[in-house]
Amino acid sequence: MMPEPYDPYYPRSAPAPSLSDPGPSRGPSNNPRIANIQAQIDNTVEIMKDNITKVAERGERLESLEARTETLAVSARGFRRTANRVRKNMWWQDMKMRIIIGVTVAVIISLVVLSIVQATRKKK
């Protein structure tokens, strides 16, 4: 004879239910200990349902956050490219201005030097 398999819903002293037995009822029980345990099980099931709902909501929020993060990363790359272009353009504008100022100063100095040289030649 094979030993009966362990079933946590039936105490060892009670006979195992047959296949035709519908099992324990969820209604009020005559045994207060069983009623207490069943209430704890029902409470645990409700808590687990709430936890599953919260995990699903968290997953949705994480997906939304991931989408926003990807959008932000794309925007950051675009901003970086634009900032580099602006920086290079500003550097070229600065260099052009420096070159123009340098050439202007060189022309002014050369004019002053030439006028001084011509004035000294005329005196001789």
PDB file of N, CA and C in Angstrom:
ATOM      1  N   MET A   1       0.837  -1.172   0.000  1.00  0.00           N
ATOM      2  CA  MET A   1       0.000   0.000   0.000  1.00  0.00           C
ATOM      3  C   MET A   1       0.889   1.245   0.000  1.00  0.00           C
ATOM      4  N   MET A   2       0.585   2.226  -0.851  1.00  0.00           N
ATOM      5  CA  MET A   2       1.375   3.444  -0.974  1.00  0.00           C
ATOM      6  C   MET A   2       0.925   4.457   0.066  1.00  0.00           C
ATOM      7  N   PRO A   3       1.891   5.222   0.606  1.00  0.00           N
ATOM      8  CA  PRO A   3       1.483   6.261   1.555  1.00  0.00           C
ATOM      9  C   PRO A   3       0.775   7.391   0.798  1.00  0.00           C
ATOM     10  N   GLU A   4      -0.098   8.071   1.503  1.00  0.00           N
ATOM     11  CA  GLU A   4      -0.849   9.162   0.892  1.00  0.00           C
ATOM     12  C   GLU A   4       0.071  10.371   0.704  1.00  0.00           C
ATOM     13  N   PRO A   5      -0.036  11.102  -0.430  1.00  0.00           N
ATOM     14  CA  PRO A   5       0.800  12.285  -0.638  1.00  0.00           C
ATOM     15  C   PRO A   5       0.400  13.395   0.328  1.00  0.00           C
ATOM     16  N   TYR A   6       1.389  14.198   0.666  1.00  0.00           N
ATOM     17  CA  TYR A   6       1.147  15.289   1.610  1.00  0.00           C
ATOM     18  C   TYR A   6       0.359  16.404   0.935  1.00  0.00           C
ATOM     19  N   ASP A   7      -0.685  16.860   1.584  1.00  0.00           N
ATOM     20  CA  ASP A   7      -1.484  17.981   1.093  1.00  0.00           C
ATOM     21  C   ASP A   7      -1.603  18.975   2.240  1.00  0.00           C
ATOM     22  N   PRO A   8      -1.057  20.190   2.074  1.00  0.00           N
ATOM     23  CA  PRO A   8      -1.061  21.143   3.183  1.00  0.00           C
ATOM     24  C   PRO A   8      -2.450  21.636   3.545  1.00  0.00           C
ATOM     25  N   TYR A   9      -3.437  21.424   2.674  1.00  0.00           N
ATOM     26  CA  TYR A   9      -4.786  21.903   2.963  1.00  0.00           C
ATOM     27  C   TYR A   9      -5.595  20.917   3.809  1.00  0.00           C
ATOM     28  N   TYR A  10      -5.087  19.709   3.989  1.00  0.00           N
ATOM     29  CA  TYR A  10      -5.770  18.717   4.802  1.00  0.00           C
ATOM     30  C   TYR A  10      -4.849  18.241   5.907  1.00  0.00           C
ATOM     31  N   PRO A  11      -5.301  18.289   7.146  1.00  0.00           N
ATOM     32  CA  PRO A  11      -4.441  17.795   8.234  1.00  0.00           C
ATOM     33  C   PRO A  11      -4.226  16.288   8.101  1.00  0.00           C
ATOM     34  N   ARG A  12      -3.143  15.830   8.703  1.00  0.00           N
ATOM     35  CA  ARG A  12      -2.781  14.407   8.615  1.00  0.00           C
ATOM     36  C   ARG A  12      -3.840  13.517   9.257  1.00  0.00           C
ATOM     37  N   SER A  13      -4.511  14.009  10.279  1.00  0.00           N
ATOM     38  CA  SER A  13      -5.484  13.167  10.967  1.00  0.00           C
ATOM     39  C   SER A  13      -6.762  12.996  10.145  1.00  0.00           C
ATOM     40  N   ALA A  14      -7.025  13.915   9.231  1.00  0.00           N
ATOM     41  CA  ALA A  14      -8.241  13.803   8.427  1.00  0.00           C
ATOM     42  C   ALA A  14      -7.962  12.898   7.234  1.00  0.00           C
ATOM     43  N   PRO A  15      -8.950  12.186   6.786  1.00  0.00           N
ATOM     44  CA  PRO A  15      -8.740  11.338   5.613  1.00  0.00           C
ATOM     45  C   PRO A  15      -8.563  12.203   4.373  1.00  0.00           C
ATOM     46  N   ALA A  16      -7.750  11.721   3.455  1.00  0.00           N
ATOM     47  CA  ALA A  16      -7.517  12.453   2.211  1.00  0.00           C
ATOM     48  C   ALA A  16      -8.794  12.437   1.394  1.00  0.00           C
ATOM     49  N   PRO A  17      -9.098  13.512   0.696  1.00  0.00           N
ATOM     50  CA  PRO A  17     -10.338  13.564  -0.075  1.00  0.00           C
ATOM     51  C   PRO A  17     -10.250  12.647  -1.289  1.00  0.00           C
ATOM     52  N   SER A  18     -11.378  12.131  -1.652  1.00  0.00           N
ATOM     53  CA  SER A  18     -11.404  11.298  -2.848  1.00  0.00           C
ATOM     54  C   SER A  18     -11.561  12.198  -4.056  1.00  0.00           C
ATOM     55  N   LEU A  19     -11.438  11.632  -5.245  1.00  0.00           N
ATOM     56  CA  LEU A  19     -11.543  12.429  -6.455  1.00  0.00           C
ATOM     57  C   LEU A  19     -12.943  13.006  -6.630  1.00  0.00           C
ATOM     58  N   SER A  20     -13.943  12.338  -6.081  1.00  0.00           N
ATOM     59  CA  SER A  20     -15.304  12.839  -6.207  1.00  0.00           C
ATOM     60  C   SER A  20     -15.618  13.888  -5.149  1.00  0.00           C
ATOM     61  N   ASP A  21     -14.762  14.010  -4.131  1.00  0.00           N
ATOM     62  CA  ASP A  21     -14.969  14.990  -3.048  1.00  0.00           C
ATOM     63  C   ASP A  21     -14.647  16.392  -3.577  1.00  0.00           C
ATOM     64  N   PRO A  22     -15.547  17.363  -3.439  1.00  0.00           N
ATOM     65  CA  PRO A  22     -15.287  18.702  -3.966  1.00  0.00           C
ATOM     66  C   PRO A  22     -14.215  19.463  -3.209  1.00  0.00           C
ATOM     67  N   GLY A  23     -13.775  18.990  -2.094  1.00  0.00           N
ATOM     68  CA  GLY A  23     -12.729  19.672  -1.339  1.00  0.00           C
ATOM     69  C   GLY A  23     -13.315  20.567  -0.261  1.00  0.00           C
ATOM     70  N   PRO A  24     -12.448  21.302   0.443  1.00  0.00           N
ATOM     71  CA  PRO A  24     -12.935  22.128   1.543  1.00  0.00           C
ATOM     72  C   PRO A  24     -13.738  23.300   0.994  1.00  0.00           C
ATOM     73  N   SER A  25     -14.745  23.638   1.725  1.00  0.00           N
ATOM     74  CA  SER A  25     -15.572  24.765   1.297  1.00  0.00           C
ATOM     75  C   SER A  25     -14.967  26.053   1.823  1.00  0.00           C
ATOM     76  N   ARG A  26     -15.273  27.113   1.131  1.00  0.00           N
ATOM     77  CA  ARG A  26     -14.750  28.417   1.532  1.00  0.00           C
ATOM     78  C   ARG A  26     -15.694  29.091   2.530  1.00  0.00           C
ATOM     79  N   GLY A  27     -16.759  28.487   2.806  1.00  0.00           N
ATOM     80  CA  GLY A  27     -17.738  29.065   3.719  1.00  0.00           C
ATOM     81  C   GLY A  27     -17.294  28.911   5.160  1.00  0.00           C
ATOM     82  N   PRO A  28     -18.133  29.330   6.087  1.00  0.00           N
ATOM     83  CA  PRO A  28     -17.787  29.214   7.506  1.00  0.00           C
ATOM     84  C   PRO A  28     -17.612  27.753   7.887  1.00  0.00           C
ATOM     85  N   SER A  29     -16.645  27.507   8.735  1.00  0.00           N
ATOM     86  CA  SER A  29     -16.342  26.150   9.158  1.00  0.00           C
ATOM     87  C   SER A  29     -16.724  25.982  10.618  1.00  0.00           C
ATOM     88  N   ASN A  30     -16.956  24.745  10.984  1.00  0.00           N
ATOM     89  CA  ASN A  30     -17.275  24.461  12.381  1.00  0.00           C
ATOM     90  C   ASN A  30     -16.024  24.538  13.241  1.00  0.00           C
ATOM     91  N   ASN A  31     -14.858  24.345  12.646  1.00  0.00           N
ATOM     92  CA  ASN A  31     -13.607  24.361  13.382  1.00  0.00           C
ATOM     93  C   ASN A  31     -13.022  25.777  13.316  1.00  0.00           C
ATOM     94  N   PRO A  32     -12.889  26.464  14.466  1.00  0.00           N
ATOM     95  CA  PRO A  32     -12.386  27.849  14.429  1.00  0.00           C
ATOM     96  C   PRO A  32     -10.927  27.934  13.967  1.00  0.00           C
ATOM     97  N   ARG A  33     -10.171  26.898  14.232  1.00  0.00           N
ATOM     98  CA  ARG A  33      -8.772  26.911  13.799  1.00  0.00           C
ATOM     99  C   ARG A  33      -8.682  26.891  12.275  1.00  0.00           C
ATOM    100  N   ILE A  34      -9.495  26.064  11.638  1.00  0.00           N
ATOM    101  CA  ILE A  34      -9.509  25.992  10.185  1.00  0.00           C
ATOM    102  C   ILE A  34     -10.035  27.304   9.605  1.00  0.00           C
ATOM    103  N   ALA A  35     -11.052  27.864  10.247  1.00  0.00           N
ATOM    104  CA  ALA A  35     -11.604  29.142   9.776  1.00  0.00           C
ATOM    105  C   ALA A  35     -10.545  30.247   9.862  1.00  0.00           C
ATOM    106  N   ASN A  36      -9.768  30.230  10.949  1.00  0.00           N
ATOM    107  CA  ASN A  36      -8.707  31.219  11.121  1.00  0.00           C
ATOM    108  C   ASN A  36      -7.638  31.060  10.047  1.00  0.00           C
ATOM    109  N   ILE A  37      -7.233  29.825   9.799  1.00  0.00           N
ATOM    110  CA  ILE A  37      -6.221  29.558   8.779  1.00  0.00           C
ATOM    111  C   ILE A  37      -6.744  29.963   7.402  1.00  0.00           C
ATOM    112  N   GLN A  38      -8.030  29.628   7.128  1.00  0.00           N
ATOM    113  CA  GLN A  38      -8.610  29.994   5.833  1.00  0.00           C
ATOM    114  C   GLN A  38      -8.663  31.517   5.676  1.00  0.00           C
ATOM    115  N   ALA A  39      -8.949  32.241   6.752  1.00  0.00           N
ATOM    116  CA  ALA A  39      -8.971  33.706   6.701  1.00  0.00           C
ATOM    117  C   ALA A  39      -7.567  34.244   6.413  1.00  0.00           C
ATOM    118  N   GLN A  40      -6.560  33.626   7.038  1.00  0.00           N
ATOM    119  CA  GLN A  40      -5.187  34.044   6.778  1.00  0.00           C
ATOM    120  C   GLN A  40      -4.804  33.782   5.319  1.00  0.00           C
ATOM    121  N   ILE A  41      -5.223  32.638   4.789  1.00  0.00           N
ATOM    122  CA  ILE A  41      -4.937  32.312   3.394  1.00  0.00           C
ATOM    123  C   ILE A  41      -5.619  33.312   2.465  1.00  0.00           C
ATOM    124  N   ASP A  42      -6.885  33.612   2.748  1.00  0.00           N
ATOM    125  CA  ASP A  42      -7.610  34.585   1.921  1.00  0.00           C
ATOM    126  C   ASP A  42      -6.939  35.953   1.981  1.00  0.00           C
ATOM    127  N   ASN A  43      -6.493  36.345   3.168  1.00  0.00           N
ATOM    128  CA  ASN A  43      -5.804  37.624   3.339  1.00  0.00           C
ATOM    129  C   ASN A  43      -4.496  37.629   2.539  1.00  0.00           C
ATOM    130  N   THR A  44      -3.758  36.529   2.604  1.00  0.00           N
ATOM    131  CA  THR A  44      -2.503  36.422   1.874  1.00  0.00           C
ATOM    132  C   THR A  44      -2.752  36.476   0.369  1.00  0.00           C
ATOM    133  N   VAL A  45      -3.800  35.818  -0.103  1.00  0.00           N
ATOM    134  CA  VAL A  45      -4.141  35.839  -1.527  1.00  0.00           C
ATOM    135  C   VAL A  45      -4.454  37.272  -1.966  1.00  0.00           C
ATOM    136  N   GLU A  46      -5.215  38.012  -1.161  1.00  0.00           N
ATOM    137  CA  GLU A  46      -5.532  39.403  -1.503  1.00  0.00           C
ATOM    138  C   GLU A  46      -4.266  40.259  -1.548  1.00  0.00           C
ATOM    139  N   ILE A  47      -3.382  40.051  -0.573  1.00  0.00           N
ATOM    140  CA  ILE A  47      -2.117  40.804  -0.552  1.00  0.00           C
ATOM    141  C   ILE A  47      -1.299  40.476  -1.801  1.00  0.00           C
ATOM    142  N   MET A  48      -1.242  39.210  -2.176  1.00  0.00           N
ATOM    143  CA  MET A  48      -0.476  38.815  -3.358  1.00  0.00           C
ATOM    144  C   MET A  48      -1.089  39.410  -4.630  1.00  0.00           C
ATOM    145  N   LYS A  49      -2.419  39.444  -4.707  1.00  0.00           N
ATOM    146  CA  LYS A  49      -3.075  40.071  -5.863  1.00  0.00           C
ATOM    147  C   LYS A  49      -2.701  41.546  -5.944  1.00  0.00           C
ATOM    148  N   ASP A  50      -2.730  42.228  -4.802  1.00  0.00           N
ATOM    149  CA  ASP A  50      -2.331  43.642  -4.765  1.00  0.00           C
ATOM    150  C   ASP A  50      -0.874  43.797  -5.199  1.00  0.00           C
ATOM    151  N   ASN A  51      -0.015  42.916  -4.708  1.00  0.00           N
ATOM    152  CA  ASN A  51       1.408  42.988  -5.080  1.00  0.00           C
ATOM    153  C   ASN A  51       1.600  42.773  -6.579  1.00  0.00           C
ATOM    154  N   ILE A  52       0.867  41.836  -7.159  1.00  0.00           N
ATOM    155  CA  ILE A  52       0.979  41.575  -8.595  1.00  0.00           C
ATOM    156  C   ILE A  52       0.511  42.796  -9.377  1.00  0.00           C
ATOM    157  N   THR A  53      -0.574  43.409  -8.930  1.00  0.00           N
ATOM    158  CA  THR A  53      -1.068  44.624  -9.589  1.00  0.00           C
ATOM    159  C   THR A  53      -0.031  45.737  -9.501  1.00  0.00           C
ATOM    160  N   LYS A  54       0.570  45.896  -8.342  1.00  0.00           N
ATOM    161  CA  LYS A  54       1.587  46.936  -8.166  1.00  0.00           C
ATOM    162  C   LYS A  54       2.810  46.665  -9.039  1.00  0.00           C
ATOM    163  N   VAL A  55       3.221  45.406  -9.161  1.00  0.00           N
ATOM    164  CA  VAL A  55       4.368  45.062 -10.004  1.00  0.00           C
ATOM    165  C   VAL A  55       4.056  45.372 -11.462  1.00  0.00           C
ATOM    166  N   ALA A  56       2.831  45.071 -11.897  1.00  0.00           N
ATOM    167  CA  ALA A  56       2.443  45.367 -13.279  1.00  0.00           C
ATOM    168  C   ALA A  56       2.461  46.877 -13.525  1.00  0.00           C
ATOM    169  N   GLU A  57       1.936  47.649 -12.581  1.00  0.00           N
ATOM    170  CA  GLU A  57       1.953  49.111 -12.714  1.00  0.00           C
ATOM    171  C   GLU A  57       3.389  49.631 -12.729  1.00  0.00           C
ATOM    172  N   ARG A  58       4.226  49.054 -11.898  1.00  0.00           N
ATOM    173  CA  ARG A  58       5.636  49.467 -11.859  1.00  0.00           C
ATOM    174  C   ARG A  58       6.309  49.180 -13.199  1.00  0.00           C
ATOM    175  N   GLY A  59       5.989  48.021 -13.779  1.00  0.00           N
ATOM    176  CA  GLY A  59       6.535  47.677 -15.085  1.00  0.00           C
ATOM    177  C   GLY A  59       6.120  48.683 -16.143  1.00  0.00           C
ATOM    178  N   GLU A  60       4.853  49.112 -16.102  1.00  0.00           N
ATOM    179  CA  GLU A  60       4.378  50.117 -17.056  1.00  0.00           C
ATOM    180  C   GLU A  60       5.125  51.436 -16.851  1.00  0.00           C
ATOM    181  N   ARG A  61       5.316  51.822 -15.590  1.00  0.00           N
ATOM    182  CA  ARG A  61       6.042  53.067 -15.310  1.00  0.00           C
ATOM    183  C   ARG A  61       7.490  52.957 -15.777  1.00  0.00           C
ATOM    184  N   LEU A  62       8.101  51.786 -15.591  1.00  0.00           N
ATOM    185  CA  LEU A  62       9.485  51.595 -16.041  1.00  0.00           C
ATOM    186  C   LEU A  62       9.580  51.677 -17.563  1.00  0.00           C
ATOM    187  N   GLU A  63       8.601  51.108 -18.259  1.00  0.00           N
ATOM    188  CA  GLU A  63       8.608  51.194 -19.717  1.00  0.00           C
ATOM    189  C   GLU A  63       8.468  52.643 -20.166  1.00  0.00           C
ATOM    190  N   SER A  64       7.589  53.383 -19.508  1.00  0.00           N
ATOM    191  CA  SER A  64       7.416  54.801 -19.842  1.00  0.00           C
ATOM    192  C   SER A  64       8.706  55.569 -19.570  1.00  0.00           C
ATOM    193  N   LEU A  65       9.327  55.281 -18.441  1.00  0.00           N
ATOM    194  CA  LEU A  65      10.581  55.945 -18.091  1.00  0.00           C
ATOM    195  C   LEU A  65      11.678  55.598 -19.094  1.00  0.00           C
ATOM    196  N   GLU A  66      11.707  54.350 -19.535  1.00  0.00           N
ATOM    197  CA  GLU A  66      12.704  53.928 -20.516  1.00  0.00           C
ATOM    198  C   GLU A  66      12.503  54.669 -21.836  1.00  0.00           C
ATOM    199  N   ALA A  67      11.254  54.825 -22.259  1.00  0.00           N
ATOM    200  CA  ALA A  67      10.970  55.544 -23.503  1.00  0.00           C
ATOM    201  C   ALA A  67      11.401  57.005 -23.384  1.00  0.00           C
ATOM    202  N   ARG A  68      11.095  57.620 -22.238  1.00  0.00           N
ATOM    203  CA  ARG A  68      11.509  59.015 -22.039  1.00  0.00           C
ATOM    204  C   ARG A  68      13.029  59.133 -21.999  1.00  0.00           C
ATOM    205  N   THR A  69      13.702  58.144 -21.418  1.00  0.00           N
ATOM    206  CA  THR A  69      15.163  58.161 -21.357  1.00  0.00           C
ATOM    207  C   THR A  69      15.763  58.070 -22.753  1.00  0.00           C
ATOM    208  N   GLU A  70      15.202  57.199 -23.592  1.00  0.00           N
ATOM    209  CA  GLU A  70      15.694  57.082 -24.962  1.00  0.00           C
ATOM    210  C   GLU A  70      15.490  58.389 -25.725  1.00  0.00           C
ATOM    211  N   THR A  71      14.327  59.016 -25.542  1.00  0.00           N
ATOM    212  CA  THR A  71      14.060  60.299 -26.201  1.00  0.00           C
ATOM    213  C   THR A  71      15.055  61.354 -25.731  1.00  0.00           C
ATOM    214  N   LEU A  72      15.318  61.365 -24.444  1.00  0.00           N
ATOM    215  CA  LEU A  72      16.273  62.325 -23.890  1.00  0.00           C
ATOM    216  C   LEU A  72      17.682  62.072 -24.432  1.00  0.00           C
ATOM    217  N   ALA A  73      18.065  60.807 -24.581  1.00  0.00           N
ATOM    218  CA  ALA A  73      19.390  60.482 -25.111  1.00  0.00           C
ATOM    219  C   ALA A  73      19.519  60.961 -26.556  1.00  0.00           C
ATOM    220  N   VAL A  74      18.467  60.773 -27.356  1.00  0.00           N
ATOM    221  CA  VAL A  74      18.493  61.243 -28.745  1.00  0.00           C
ATOM    222  C   VAL A  74      18.609  62.763 -28.766  1.00  0.00           C
ATOM    223  N   SER A  75      17.838  63.426 -27.914  1.00  0.00           N
ATOM    224  CA  SER A  75      17.904  64.891 -27.845  1.00  0.00           C
ATOM    225  C   SER A  75      19.288  65.355 -27.402  1.00  0.00           C
ATOM    226  N   ALA A  76      19.890  64.646 -26.474  1.00  0.00           N
ATOM    227  CA  ALA A  76      21.221  65.017 -25.986  1.00  0.00           C
ATOM    228  C   ALA A  76      22.259  64.889 -27.112  1.00  0.00           C
ATOM    229  N   ARG A  77      22.151  63.821 -27.908  1.00  0.00           N
ATOM    230  CA  ARG A  77      23.084  63.669 -29.030  1.00  0.00           C
ATOM    231  C   ARG A  77      22.919  64.809 -30.030  1.00  0.00           C
ATOM    232  N   GLY A  78      21.671  65.156 -30.333  1.00  0.00           N
ATOM    233  CA  GLY A  78      21.420  66.279 -31.242  1.00  0.00           C
ATOM    234  C   GLY A  78      21.947  67.581 -30.679  1.00  0.00           C
ATOM    235  N   PHE A  79      21.738  67.790 -29.390  1.00  0.00           N
ATOM    236  CA  PHE A  79      22.233  69.012 -28.747  1.00  0.00           C
ATOM    237  C   PHE A  79      23.753  69.068 -28.810  1.00  0.00           C
ATOM    238  N   ARG A  80      24.415  67.930 -28.572  1.00  0.00           N
ATOM    239  CA  ARG A  80      25.876  67.881 -28.602  1.00  0.00           C
ATOM    240  C   ARG A  80      26.397  68.230 -29.992  1.00  0.00           C
ATOM    241  N   ARG A  81      25.766  67.658 -31.038  1.00  0.00           N
ATOM    242  CA  ARG A  81      26.190  67.973 -32.409  1.00  0.00           C
ATOM    243  C   ARG A  81      26.002  69.453 -32.714  1.00  0.00           C
ATOM    244  N   THR A  82      24.848  69.984 -32.346  1.00  0.00           N
ATOM    245  CA  THR A  82      24.576  71.397 -32.594  1.00  0.00           C
ATOM    246  C   THR A  82      25.544  72.281 -31.815  1.00  0.00           C
ATOM    247  N   ALA A  83      25.815  71.923 -30.573  1.00  0.00           N
ATOM    248  CA  ALA A  83      26.740  72.709 -29.759  1.00  0.00           C
ATOM    249  C   ALA A  83      28.147  72.693 -30.365  1.00  0.00           C
ATOM    250  N   ASN A  84      28.583  71.550 -30.875  1.00  0.00           N
ATOM    251  CA  ASN A  84      29.908  71.480 -31.514  1.00  0.00           C
ATOM    252  C   ASN A  84      29.951  72.343 -32.767  1.00  0.00           C
ATOM    253  N   ARG A  85      28.873  72.304 -33.579  1.00  0.00           N
ATOM    254  CA  ARG A  85      28.834  73.152 -34.769  1.00  0.00           C
ATOM    255  C   ARG A  85      28.896  74.629 -34.400  1.00  0.00           C
ATOM    256  N   VAL A  86      28.117  75.014 -33.392  1.00  0.00           N
ATOM    257  CA  VAL A  86      28.115  76.414 -32.961  1.00  0.00           C
ATOM    258  C   VAL A  86      29.491  76.808 -32.435  1.00  0.00           C
ATOM    259  N   ARG A  87      30.104  75.915 -31.647  1.00  0.00           N
ATOM    260  CA  ARG A  87      31.437  76.204 -31.106  1.00  0.00           C
ATOM    261  C   ARG A  87      32.450  76.409 -32.228  1.00  0.00           C
ATOM    262  N   LYS A  88      32.422  75.550 -33.250  1.00  0.00           N
ATOM    263  CA  LYS A  88      33.354  75.687 -34.377  1.00  0.00           C
ATOM    264  C   LYS A  88      33.086  76.977 -35.153  1.00  0.00           C
ATOM    265  N   ASN A  89      31.811  77.282 -35.372  1.00  0.00           N
ATOM    266  CA  ASN A  89      31.483  78.530 -36.073  1.00  0.00           C
ATOM    267  C   ASN A  89      31.961  79.745 -35.290  1.00  0.00           C
ATOM    268  N   MET A  90      31.761  79.725 -33.984  1.00  0.00           N
ATOM    269  CA  MET A  90      32.212  80.853 -33.164  1.00  0.00           C
ATOM    270  C   MET A  90      33.740  80.950 -33.174  1.00  0.00           C
ATOM    271  N   TRP A  91      34.439  79.815 -33.174  1.00  0.00           N
ATOM    272  CA  TRP A  91      35.903  79.834 -33.224  1.00  0.00           C
ATOM    273  C   TRP A  91      36.365  80.460 -34.537  1.00  0.00           C
ATOM    274  N   TRP A  92      35.718  80.067 -35.663  1.00  0.00           N
ATOM    275  CA  TRP A  92      36.103  80.655 -36.946  1.00  0.00           C
ATOM    276  C   TRP A  92      35.799  82.151 -36.984  1.00  0.00           C
ATOM    277  N   GLN A  93      34.661  82.558 -36.433  1.00  0.00           N
ATOM    278  CA  GLN A  93      34.358  83.992 -36.390  1.00  0.00           C
ATOM    279  C   GLN A  93      35.397  84.731 -35.569  1.00  0.00           C
ATOM    280  N   ASP A  94      35.791  84.155 -34.445  1.00  0.00           N
ATOM    281  CA  ASP A  94      36.810  84.775 -33.597  1.00  0.00           C
ATOM    282  C   ASP A  94      38.146  84.871 -34.342  1.00  0.00           C
ATOM    283  N   MET A  95      38.517  83.791 -35.037  1.00  0.00           N
ATOM    284  CA  MET A  95      39.774  83.807 -35.786  1.00  0.00           C
ATOM    285  C   MET A  95      39.724  84.827 -36.920  1.00  0.00           C
ATOM    286  N   LYS A  96      38.599  84.913 -37.609  1.00  0.00           N
ATOM    287  CA  LYS A  96      38.464  85.912 -38.677  1.00  0.00           C
ATOM    288  C   LYS A  96      38.629  87.319 -38.110  1.00  0.00           C
ATOM    289  N   MET A  97      37.975  87.560 -36.968  1.00  0.00           N
ATOM    290  CA  MET A  97      38.080  88.881 -36.354  1.00  0.00           C
ATOM    291  C   MET A  97      39.520  89.175 -35.951  1.00  0.00           C
ATOM    292  N   ARG A  98      40.209  88.191 -35.375  1.00  0.00           N
ATOM    293  CA  ARG A  98      41.612  88.386 -34.993  1.00  0.00           C
ATOM    294  C   ARG A  98      42.484  88.658 -36.216  1.00  0.00           C
ATOM    295  N   ILE A  99      42.222  87.919 -37.294  1.00  0.00           N
ATOM    296  CA  ILE A  99      42.998  88.137 -38.519  1.00  0.00           C
ATOM    297  C   ILE A  99      42.744  89.542 -39.064  1.00  0.00           C
ATOM    298  N   ILE A 100      41.474  89.954 -39.086  1.00  0.00           N
ATOM    299  CA  ILE A 100      41.145  91.299 -39.576  1.00  0.00           C
ATOM    300  C   ILE A 100      41.806  92.360 -38.718  1.00  0.00           C
ATOM    301  N   ILE A 101      41.741  92.190 -37.400  1.00  0.00           N
ATOM    302  CA  ILE A 101      42.377  93.165 -36.491  1.00  0.00           C
ATOM    303  C   ILE A 101      43.889  93.148 -36.701  1.00  0.00           C
ATOM    304  N   GLY A 102      44.485  91.971 -36.826  1.00  0.00           N
ATOM    305  CA  GLY A 102      45.929  91.862 -37.039  1.00  0.00           C
ATOM    306  C   GLY A 102      46.364  92.524 -38.339  1.00  0.00           C
ATOM    307  N   VAL A 103      45.616  92.280 -39.402  1.00  0.00           N
ATOM    308  CA  VAL A 103      45.949  92.892 -40.696  1.00  0.00           C
ATOM    309  C   VAL A 103      45.783  94.410 -40.605  1.00  0.00           C
ATOM    310  N   THR A 104      44.725  94.874 -39.964  1.00  0.00           N
ATOM    311  CA  THR A 104      44.498  96.315 -39.816  1.00  0.00           C
ATOM    312  C   THR A 104      45.632  96.966 -39.026  1.00  0.00           C
ATOM    313  N   VAL A 105      46.025  96.326 -37.924  1.00  0.00           N
ATOM    314  CA  VAL A 105      47.128  96.868 -37.115  1.00  0.00           C
ATOM    315  C   VAL A 105      48.421  96.854 -37.940  1.00  0.00           C
ATOM    316  N   ALA A 106      48.647  95.783 -38.698  1.00  0.00           N
ATOM    317  CA  ALA A 106      49.854  95.703 -39.521  1.00  0.00           C
ATOM    318  C   ALA A 106      49.853  96.792 -40.588  1.00  0.00           C
ATOM    319  N   VAL A 107      48.713  97.042 -41.199  1.00  0.00           N
ATOM    320  CA  VAL A 107      48.617  98.101 -42.217  1.00  0.00           C
ATOM    321  C   VAL A 107      48.874  99.463 -41.580  1.00  0.00           C
ATOM    322  N   ILE A 108      48.270  99.705 -40.427  1.00  0.00           N
ATOM    323  CA  ILE A 108      48.461 100.996 -39.745  1.00  0.00           C
ATOM    324  C   ILE A 108      49.934 101.183 -39.369  1.00  0.00           C
ATOM    325  N   ILE A 109      50.546 100.144 -38.821  1.00  0.00           N
ATOM    326  CA  ILE A 109      51.954 100.231 -38.432  1.00  0.00           C
ATOM    327  C   ILE A 109      52.821 100.449 -39.673  1.00  0.00           C
ATOM    328  N   SER A 110      52.517  99.720 -40.739  1.00  0.00           N
ATOM    329  CA  SER A 110      53.322  99.894 -41.958  1.00  0.00           C
ATOM    330  C   SER A 110      53.140 101.309 -42.536  1.00  0.00           C
ATOM    331  N   LEU A 111      51.948 101.866 -42.476  1.00  0.00           N
ATOM    332  CA  LEU A 111      51.726 103.236 -42.943  1.00  0.00           C
ATOM    333  C   LEU A 111      52.508 104.238 -42.094  1.00  0.00           C
ATOM    334  N   VAL A 112      52.486 104.020 -40.780  1.00  0.00           N
ATOM    335  CA  VAL A 112      53.219 104.915 -39.886  1.00  0.00           C
ATOM    336  C   VAL A 112      54.711 104.800 -40.165  1.00  0.00           C
ATOM    337  N   VAL A 113      55.211 103.590 -40.308  1.00  0.00           N
ATOM    338  CA  VAL A 113      56.635 103.382 -40.557  1.00  0.00           C
ATOM    339  C   VAL A 113      57.013 103.983 -41.911  1.00  0.00           C
ATOM    340  N   LEU A 114      56.205 103.763 -42.932  1.00  0.00           N
ATOM    341  CA  LEU A 114      56.500 104.322 -44.254  1.00  0.00           C
ATOM    342  C   LEU A 114      56.485 105.854 -44.233  1.00  0.00           C
ATOM    343  N   SER A 115      55.538 106.433 -43.531  1.00  0.00           N
ATOM    344  CA  SER A 115      55.488 107.899 -43.465  1.00  0.00           C
ATOM    345  C   SER A 115      56.700 108.449 -42.710  1.00  0.00           C
ATOM    346  N   ILE A 116      57.146 107.741 -41.674  1.00  0.00           N
ATOM    347  CA  ILE A 116      58.330 108.181 -40.929  1.00  0.00           C
ATOM    348  C   ILE A 116      59.558 108.038 -41.814  1.00  0.00           C
ATOM    349  N   VAL A 117      59.661 106.932 -42.542  1.00  0.00           N
ATOM    350  CA  VAL A 117      60.802 106.707 -43.424  1.00  0.00           C
ATOM    351  C   VAL A 117      60.817 107.785 -44.517  1.00  0.00           C
ATOM    352  N   GLN A 118      59.702 108.076 -45.109  1.00  0.00           N
ATOM    353  CA  GLN A 118      59.660 109.107 -46.160  1.00  0.00           C
ATOM    354  C   GLN A 118      59.980 110.489 -45.588  1.00  0.00           C
ATOM    355  N   ALA A 119      59.514 110.757 -44.389  1.00  0.00           N
ATOM    356  CA  ALA A 119      59.812 112.049 -43.773  1.00  0.00           C
ATOM    357  C   ALA A 119      61.302 112.176 -43.472  1.00  0.00           C
ATOM    358  N   THR A 120      61.947 111.118 -43.044  1.00  0.00           N
ATOM    359  CA  THR A 120      63.378 111.183 -42.773  1.00  0.00           C
ATOM    360  C   THR A 120      64.160 111.269 -44.069  1.00  0.00           C
ATOM    361  N   ARG A 121      63.727 110.726 -45.159  1.00  0.00           N
ATOM    362  CA  ARG A 121      64.428 110.811 -46.442  1.00  0.00           C
ATOM    363  C   ARG A 121      64.334 112.227 -47.007  1.00  0.00           C
ATOM    364  N   LYS A 122      63.209 112.855 -46.798  1.00  0.00           N
ATOM    365  CA  LYS A 122      63.041 114.198 -47.300  1.00  0.00           C
ATOM    366  C   LYS A 122      63.931 115.182 -46.561  1.00  0.00           C
ATOM    367  N   LYS A 123      64.205 114.907 -45.294  1.00  0.00           N
ATOM    368  CA  LYS A 123      65.046 115.798 -44.486  1.00  0.00           C
ATOM    369  C   LYS A 123      66.495 115.685 -44.921  1.00  0.00           C
ATOM    370  N   LYS A 124      66.912 114.636 -45.466  1.00  0.00           N
ATOM    371  CA  LYS A 124      68.326 114.459 -45.827  1.00  0.00           C
ATOM    372  C   LYS A 124      68.635 115.142 -47.067  1.00  0.00           C
TER     373      LYS A 124
END
